[in-house]
Amino acid sequence: MKPERYLVVHQSRDREPTEYEDLLGDALERAFADGISDLDSLVAALNALDAPSPRNETWTTDLFLAEMKRLSA
């Protein structure tokens, strides 16, 4: 019998999240919990929730994709 696989939620990070990352993550979780699943609606929700963004810019699709790429590197 194979042992069950498990994932420790934070096993791949090498540091604690910043306050910015925590607040952005909270806003993303709230949007997903509200049933939002498409990119345009997600970006609109981030703006409506006043989620933090780089340099306090208004979220756009391009900015969101660039920031997710930067944060995942």
PDB file of N, CA and C in Angstrom:
ATOM      1  N   MET A   1       0.844  -1.179   0.000  1.00  0.00           N
ATOM      2  CA  MET A   1       0.000   0.000   0.000  1.00  0.00           C
ATOM      3  C   MET A   1       0.889   1.242   0.000  1.00  0.00           C
ATOM      4  N   LYS A   2       0.601   2.168  -0.932  1.00  0.00           N
ATOM      5  CA  LYS A   2       1.363   3.404  -1.021  1.00  0.00           C
ATOM      6  C   LYS A   2       0.968   4.349   0.097  1.00  0.00           C
ATOM      7  N   PRO A   3       1.929   5.055   0.654  1.00  0.00           N
ATOM      8  CA  PRO A   3       1.553   6.075   1.653  1.00  0.00           C
ATOM      9  C   PRO A   3       0.802   7.208   0.947  1.00  0.00           C
ATOM     10  N   GLU A   4      -0.107   7.835   1.669  1.00  0.00           N
ATOM     11  CA  GLU A   4      -0.848   8.956   1.095  1.00  0.00           C
ATOM     12  C   GLU A   4       0.101  10.120   0.867  1.00  0.00           C
ATOM     13  N   ARG A   5      -0.113  10.779  -0.260  1.00  0.00           N
ATOM     14  CA  ARG A   5       0.681  11.968  -0.547  1.00  0.00           C
ATOM     15  C   ARG A   5       0.021  13.154   0.137  1.00  0.00           C
ATOM     16  N   TYR A   6       0.809  14.071   0.561  1.00  0.00           N
ATOM     17  CA  TYR A   6       0.258  15.263   1.186  1.00  0.00           C
ATOM     18  C   TYR A   6       1.087  16.458   0.788  1.00  0.00           C
ATOM     19  N   LEU A   7       0.513  17.589   0.928  1.00  0.00           N
ATOM     20  CA  LEU A   7       1.182  18.834   0.609  1.00  0.00           C
ATOM     21  C   LEU A   7       1.083  19.744   1.819  1.00  0.00           C
ATOM     22  N   VAL A   8       2.214  20.141   2.314  1.00  0.00           N
ATOM     23  CA  VAL A   8       2.240  21.155   3.353  1.00  0.00           C
ATOM     24  C   VAL A   8       2.084  22.479   2.619  1.00  0.00           C
ATOM     25  N   VAL A   9       1.087  23.231   2.977  1.00  0.00           N
ATOM     26  CA  VAL A   9       0.698  24.406   2.205  1.00  0.00           C
ATOM     27  C   VAL A   9       1.873  25.318   1.874  1.00  0.00           C
ATOM     28  N   HIS A  10       2.763  25.524   2.791  1.00  0.00           N
ATOM     29  CA  HIS A  10       3.845  26.487   2.576  1.00  0.00           C
ATOM     30  C   HIS A  10       5.197  25.810   2.353  1.00  0.00           C
ATOM     31  N   GLN A  11       5.203  24.580   1.878  1.00  0.00           N
ATOM     32  CA  GLN A  11       6.463  23.859   1.777  1.00  0.00           C
ATOM     33  C   GLN A  11       7.400  24.413   0.713  1.00  0.00           C
ATOM     34  N   SER A  12       6.897  25.143  -0.248  1.00  0.00           N
ATOM     35  CA  SER A  12       7.768  25.601  -1.321  1.00  0.00           C
ATOM     36  C   SER A  12       8.225  27.049  -1.177  1.00  0.00           C
ATOM     37  N   ARG A  13       7.796  27.722  -0.145  1.00  0.00           N
ATOM     38  CA  ARG A  13       8.234  29.110  -0.011  1.00  0.00           C
ATOM     39  C   ARG A  13       9.500  29.185   0.827  1.00  0.00           C
ATOM     40  N   ASP A  14      10.280  30.209   0.557  1.00  0.00           N
ATOM     41  CA  ASP A  14      11.542  30.366   1.272  1.00  0.00           C
ATOM     42  C   ASP A  14      11.554  31.555   2.227  1.00  0.00           C
ATOM     43  N   ARG A  15      10.383  32.194   2.370  1.00  0.00           N
ATOM     44  CA  ARG A  15      10.260  33.333   3.285  1.00  0.00           C
ATOM     45  C   ARG A  15       8.785  33.550   3.597  1.00  0.00           C
ATOM     46  N   GLU A  16       8.514  34.334   4.602  1.00  0.00           N
ATOM     47  CA  GLU A  16       7.147  34.696   4.931  1.00  0.00           C
ATOM     48  C   GLU A  16       6.636  35.678   3.871  1.00  0.00           C
ATOM     49  N   PRO A  17       5.348  35.645   3.560  1.00  0.00           N
ATOM     50  CA  PRO A  17       4.813  36.617   2.603  1.00  0.00           C
ATOM     51  C   PRO A  17       4.871  38.026   3.173  1.00  0.00           C
ATOM     52  N   THR A  18       5.020  38.988   2.277  1.00  0.00           N
ATOM     53  CA  THR A  18       5.008  40.388   2.696  1.00  0.00           C
ATOM     54  C   THR A  18       3.567  40.804   2.993  1.00  0.00           C
ATOM     55  N   GLU A  19       3.404  41.950   3.615  1.00  0.00           N
ATOM     56  CA  GLU A  19       2.055  42.462   3.878  1.00  0.00           C
ATOM     57  C   GLU A  19       1.312  42.660   2.559  1.00  0.00           C
ATOM     58  N   TYR A  20       1.998  43.172   1.553  1.00  0.00           N
ATOM     59  CA  TYR A  20       1.403  43.352   0.225  1.00  0.00           C
ATOM     60  C   TYR A  20       0.889  42.015  -0.311  1.00  0.00           C
ATOM     61  N   GLU A  21       1.709  40.982  -0.243  1.00  0.00           N
ATOM     62  CA  GLU A  21       1.306  39.666  -0.743  1.00  0.00           C
ATOM     63  C   GLU A  21       0.126  39.102   0.040  1.00  0.00           C
ATOM     64  N   ASP A  22       0.129  39.298   1.349  1.00  0.00           N
ATOM     65  CA  ASP A  22      -1.001  38.844   2.178  1.00  0.00           C
ATOM     66  C   ASP A  22      -2.298  39.544   1.787  1.00  0.00           C
ATOM     67  N   LEU A  23      -2.248  40.859   1.629  1.00  0.00           N
ATOM     68  CA  LEU A  23      -3.450  41.622   1.288  1.00  0.00           C
ATOM     69  C   LEU A  23      -3.951  41.268  -0.111  1.00  0.00           C
ATOM     70  N   LEU A  24      -3.029  41.121  -1.047  1.00  0.00           N
ATOM     71  CA  LEU A  24      -3.417  40.729  -2.402  1.00  0.00           C
ATOM     72  C   LEU A  24      -4.014  39.327  -2.394  1.00  0.00           C
ATOM     73  N   GLY A  25      -3.394  38.422  -1.664  1.00  0.00           N
ATOM     74  CA  GLY A  25      -3.919  37.060  -1.556  1.00  0.00           C
ATOM     75  C   GLY A  25      -5.305  37.036  -0.938  1.00  0.00           C
ATOM     76  N   ASP A  26      -5.518  37.853   0.080  1.00  0.00           N
ATOM     77  CA  ASP A  26      -6.849  37.934   0.708  1.00  0.00           C
ATOM     78  C   ASP A  26      -7.894  38.398  -0.298  1.00  0.00           C
ATOM     79  N   ALA A  27      -7.546  39.410  -1.098  1.00  0.00           N
ATOM     80  CA  ALA A  27      -8.485  39.926  -2.098  1.00  0.00           C
ATOM     81  C   ALA A  27      -8.770  38.871  -3.167  1.00  0.00           C
ATOM     82  N   LEU A  28      -7.748  38.152  -3.585  1.00  0.00           N
ATOM     83  CA  LEU A  28      -7.947  37.086  -4.579  1.00  0.00           C
ATOM     84  C   LEU A  28      -8.846  35.986  -4.020  1.00  0.00           C
ATOM     85  N   GLU A  29      -8.597  35.588  -2.779  1.00  0.00           N
ATOM     86  CA  GLU A  29      -9.435  34.560  -2.153  1.00  0.00           C
ATOM     87  C   GLU A  29     -10.887  35.019  -2.064  1.00  0.00           C
ATOM     88  N   ARG A  30     -11.094  36.270  -1.720  1.00  0.00           N
ATOM     89  CA  ARG A  30     -12.466  36.796  -1.617  1.00  0.00           C
ATOM     90  C   ARG A  30     -13.157  36.781  -2.981  1.00  0.00           C
ATOM     91  N   ALA A  31     -12.419  37.195  -4.012  1.00  0.00           N
ATOM     92  CA  ALA A  31     -12.994  37.189  -5.361  1.00  0.00           C
ATOM     93  C   ALA A  31     -13.347  35.773  -5.798  1.00  0.00           C
ATOM     94  N   PHE A  32     -12.456  34.824  -5.563  1.00  0.00           N
ATOM     95  CA  PHE A  32     -12.732  33.436  -5.940  1.00  0.00           C
ATOM     96  C   PHE A  32     -13.912  32.883  -5.130  1.00  0.00           C
ATOM     97  N   ALA A  33     -13.989  33.245  -3.865  1.00  0.00           N
ATOM     98  CA  ALA A  33     -15.102  32.785  -3.023  1.00  0.00           C
ATOM     99  C   ALA A  33     -16.437  33.349  -3.514  1.00  0.00           C
ATOM    100  N   ASP A  34     -16.393  34.505  -4.153  1.00  0.00           N
ATOM    101  CA  ASP A  34     -17.600  35.109  -4.716  1.00  0.00           C
ATOM    102  C   ASP A  34     -17.959  34.512  -6.072  1.00  0.00           C
ATOM    103  N   GLY A  35     -17.192  33.518  -6.499  1.00  0.00           N
ATOM    104  CA  GLY A  35     -17.506  32.822  -7.743  1.00  0.00           C
ATOM    105  C   GLY A  35     -16.877  33.415  -8.985  1.00  0.00           C
ATOM    106  N   ILE A  36     -15.994  34.352  -8.819  1.00  0.00           N
ATOM    107  CA  ILE A  36     -15.350  34.967  -9.973  1.00  0.00           C
ATOM    108  C   ILE A  36     -14.307  34.006 -10.533  1.00  0.00           C
ATOM    109  N   SER A  37     -14.363  33.804 -11.834  1.00  0.00           N
ATOM    110  CA  SER A  37     -13.424  32.846 -12.428  1.00  0.00           C
ATOM    111  C   SER A  37     -12.808  33.325 -13.736  1.00  0.00           C
ATOM    112  N   ASP A  38     -13.277  34.447 -14.275  1.00  0.00           N
ATOM    113  CA  ASP A  38     -12.646  34.936 -15.511  1.00  0.00           C
ATOM    114  C   ASP A  38     -11.772  36.148 -15.195  1.00  0.00           C
ATOM    115  N   LEU A  39     -10.781  36.347 -16.015  1.00  0.00           N
ATOM    116  CA  LEU A  39      -9.746  37.340 -15.740  1.00  0.00           C
ATOM    117  C   LEU A  39     -10.288  38.765 -15.652  1.00  0.00           C
ATOM    118  N   ASP A  40     -11.141  39.162 -16.580  1.00  0.00           N
ATOM    119  CA  ASP A  40     -11.658  40.531 -16.553  1.00  0.00           C
ATOM    120  C   ASP A  40     -12.453  40.808 -15.280  1.00  0.00           C
ATOM    121  N   SER A  41     -13.263  39.842 -14.869  1.00  0.00           N
ATOM    122  CA  SER A  41     -14.040  40.015 -13.635  1.00  0.00           C
ATOM    123  C   SER A  41     -13.136  40.022 -12.414  1.00  0.00           C
ATOM    124  N   LEU A  42     -12.079  39.235 -12.456  1.00  0.00           N
ATOM    125  CA  LEU A  42     -11.130  39.204 -11.344  1.00  0.00           C
ATOM    126  C   LEU A  42     -10.433  40.550 -11.193  1.00  0.00           C
ATOM    127  N   VAL A  43     -10.003  41.106 -12.298  1.00  0.00           N
ATOM    128  CA  VAL A  43      -9.349  42.422 -12.268  1.00  0.00           C
ATOM    129  C   VAL A  43     -10.325  43.482 -11.755  1.00  0.00           C
ATOM    130  N   ALA A  44     -11.568  43.434 -12.216  1.00  0.00           N
ATOM    131  CA  ALA A  44     -12.574  44.385 -11.735  1.00  0.00           C
ATOM    132  C   ALA A  44     -12.792  44.222 -10.229  1.00  0.00           C
ATOM    133  N   ALA A  45     -12.805  42.977  -9.755  1.00  0.00           N
ATOM    134  CA  ALA A  45     -12.999  42.731  -8.325  1.00  0.00           C
ATOM    135  C   ALA A  45     -11.825  43.271  -7.512  1.00  0.00           C
ATOM    136  N   LEU A  46     -10.611  43.097  -7.999  1.00  0.00           N
ATOM    137  CA  LEU A  46      -9.444  43.629  -7.285  1.00  0.00           C
ATOM    138  C   LEU A  46      -9.550  45.141  -7.147  1.00  0.00           C
ATOM    139  N   ASN A  47     -10.000  45.795  -8.204  1.00  0.00           N
ATOM    140  CA  ASN A  47     -10.179  47.251  -8.130  1.00  0.00           C
ATOM    141  C   ASN A  47     -11.308  47.615  -7.179  1.00  0.00           C
ATOM    142  N   ALA A  48     -12.417  46.886  -7.227  1.00  0.00           N
ATOM    143  CA  ALA A  48     -13.552  47.172  -6.338  1.00  0.00           C
ATOM    144  C   ALA A  48     -13.193  46.936  -4.877  1.00  0.00           C
ATOM    145  N   LEU A  49     -12.338  45.933  -4.637  1.00  0.00           N
ATOM    146  CA  LEU A  49     -11.909  45.623  -3.272  1.00  0.00           C
ATOM    147  C   LEU A  49     -10.755  46.513  -2.812  1.00  0.00           C
ATOM    148  N   ASP A  50     -10.308  47.393  -3.701  1.00  0.00           N
ATOM    149  CA  ASP A  50      -9.169  48.276  -3.421  1.00  0.00           C
ATOM    150  C   ASP A  50      -7.942  47.459  -3.016  1.00  0.00           C
ATOM    151  N   ALA A  51      -7.726  46.348  -3.730  1.00  0.00           N
ATOM    152  CA  ALA A  51      -6.572  45.488  -3.456  1.00  0.00           C
ATOM    153  C   ALA A  51      -5.293  46.225  -3.823  1.00  0.00           C
ATOM    154  N   PRO A  52      -4.261  46.055  -3.024  1.00  0.00           N
ATOM    155  CA  PRO A  52      -3.010  46.744  -3.321  1.00  0.00           C
ATOM    156  C   PRO A  52      -2.442  46.273  -4.653  1.00  0.00           C
ATOM    157  N   SER A  53      -1.780  47.191  -5.336  1.00  0.00           N
ATOM    158  CA  SER A  53      -1.130  46.872  -6.603  1.00  0.00           C
ATOM    159  C   SER A  53       0.239  47.533  -6.623  1.00  0.00           C
ATOM    160  N   PRO A  54       1.074  47.113  -7.557  1.00  0.00           N
ATOM    161  CA  PRO A  54       2.389  47.754  -7.649  1.00  0.00           C
ATOM    162  C   PRO A  54       2.222  49.258  -7.874  1.00  0.00           C
ATOM    163  N   ARG A  55       2.928  50.026  -7.128  1.00  0.00           N
ATOM    164  CA  ARG A  55       2.919  51.487  -7.245  1.00  0.00           C
ATOM    165  C   ARG A  55       1.510  52.073  -7.153  1.00  0.00           C
ATOM    166  N   ASN A  56       0.597  51.365  -6.474  1.00  0.00           N
ATOM    167  CA  ASN A  56      -0.782  51.831  -6.272  1.00  0.00           C
ATOM    168  C   ASN A  56      -1.498  52.167  -7.579  1.00  0.00           C
ATOM    169  N   GLU A  57      -1.195  51.416  -8.616  1.00  0.00           N
ATOM    170  CA  GLU A  57      -1.850  51.605  -9.907  1.00  0.00           C
ATOM    171  C   GLU A  57      -3.210  50.918  -9.907  1.00  0.00           C
ATOM    172  N   THR A  58      -4.070  51.318 -10.802  1.00  0.00           N
ATOM    173  CA  THR A  58      -5.322  50.615 -11.022  1.00  0.00           C
ATOM    174  C   THR A  58      -4.986  49.284 -11.683  1.00  0.00           C
ATOM    175  N   TRP A  59      -5.616  48.215 -11.194  1.00  0.00           N
ATOM    176  CA  TRP A  59      -5.383  46.902 -11.792  1.00  0.00           C
ATOM    177  C   TRP A  59      -5.906  46.872 -13.221  1.00  0.00           C
ATOM    178  N   THR A  60      -5.112  46.334 -14.114  1.00  0.00           N
ATOM    179  CA  THR A  60      -5.519  46.033 -15.488  1.00  0.00           C
ATOM    180  C   THR A  60      -5.167  44.572 -15.722  1.00  0.00           C
ATOM    181  N   THR A  61      -5.682  44.020 -16.788  1.00  0.00           N
ATOM    182  CA  THR A  61      -5.362  42.637 -17.121  1.00  0.00           C
ATOM    183  C   THR A  61      -3.858  42.472 -17.303  1.00  0.00           C
ATOM    184  N   ASP A  62      -3.252  43.366 -18.049  1.00  0.00           N
ATOM    185  CA  ASP A  62      -1.803  43.264 -18.293  1.00  0.00           C
ATOM    186  C   ASP A  62      -1.007  43.392 -16.999  1.00  0.00           C
ATOM    187  N   LEU A  63      -1.405  44.331 -16.137  1.00  0.00           N
ATOM    188  CA  LEU A  63      -0.705  44.504 -14.870  1.00  0.00           C
ATOM    189  C   LEU A  63      -0.859  43.255 -14.005  1.00  0.00           C
ATOM    190  N   PHE A  64      -2.068  42.696 -13.948  1.00  0.00           N
ATOM    191  CA  PHE A  64      -2.293  41.491 -13.151  1.00  0.00           C
ATOM    192  C   PHE A  64      -1.427  40.339 -13.643  1.00  0.00           C
ATOM    193  N   LEU A  65      -1.413  40.096 -14.944  1.00  0.00           N
ATOM    194  CA  LEU A  65      -0.611  38.992 -15.494  1.00  0.00           C
ATOM    195  C   LEU A  65       0.874  39.204 -15.227  1.00  0.00           C
ATOM    196  N   ALA A  66       1.350  40.433 -15.384  1.00  0.00           N
ATOM    197  CA  ALA A  66       2.760  40.729 -15.120  1.00  0.00           C
ATOM    198  C   ALA A  66       3.091  40.526 -13.641  1.00  0.00           C
ATOM    199  N   GLU A  67       2.184  40.942 -12.757  1.00  0.00           N
ATOM    200  CA  GLU A  67       2.446  40.813 -11.314  1.00  0.00           C
ATOM    201  C   GLU A  67       2.408  39.356 -10.881  1.00  0.00           C
ATOM    202  N   MET A  68       1.503  38.567 -11.421  1.00  0.00           N
ATOM    203  CA  MET A  68       1.468  37.136 -11.091  1.00  0.00           C
ATOM    204  C   MET A  68       2.744  36.452 -11.578  1.00  0.00           C
ATOM    205  N   LYS A  69       3.232  36.847 -12.728  1.00  0.00           N
ATOM    206  CA  LYS A  69       4.486  36.288 -13.242  1.00  0.00           C
ATOM    207  C   LYS A  69       5.647  36.679 -12.334  1.00  0.00           C
ATOM    208  N   ARG A  70       5.684  37.948 -11.919  1.00  0.00           N
ATOM    209  CA  ARG A  70       6.766  38.411 -11.040  1.00  0.00           C
ATOM    210  C   ARG A  70       6.723  37.689  -9.694  1.00  0.00           C
ATOM    211  N   LEU A  71       5.537  37.576  -9.123  1.00  0.00           N
ATOM    212  CA  LEU A  71       5.412  36.948  -7.802  1.00  0.00           C
ATOM    213  C   LEU A  71       5.689  35.454  -7.842  1.00  0.00           C
ATOM    214  N   SER A  72       5.499  34.828  -8.972  1.00  0.00           N
ATOM    215  CA  SER A  72       5.703  33.378  -9.054  1.00  0.00           C
ATOM    216  C   SER A  72       7.148  33.000  -9.392  1.00  0.00           C
ATOM    217  N   ALA A  73       7.950  33.993  -9.681  1.00  0.00           N
ATOM    218  CA  ALA A  73       9.352  33.707 -10.055  1.00  0.00           C
ATOM    219  C   ALA A  73      10.181  33.312  -8.859  1.00  0.00           C
TER     220      ALA A  73
END
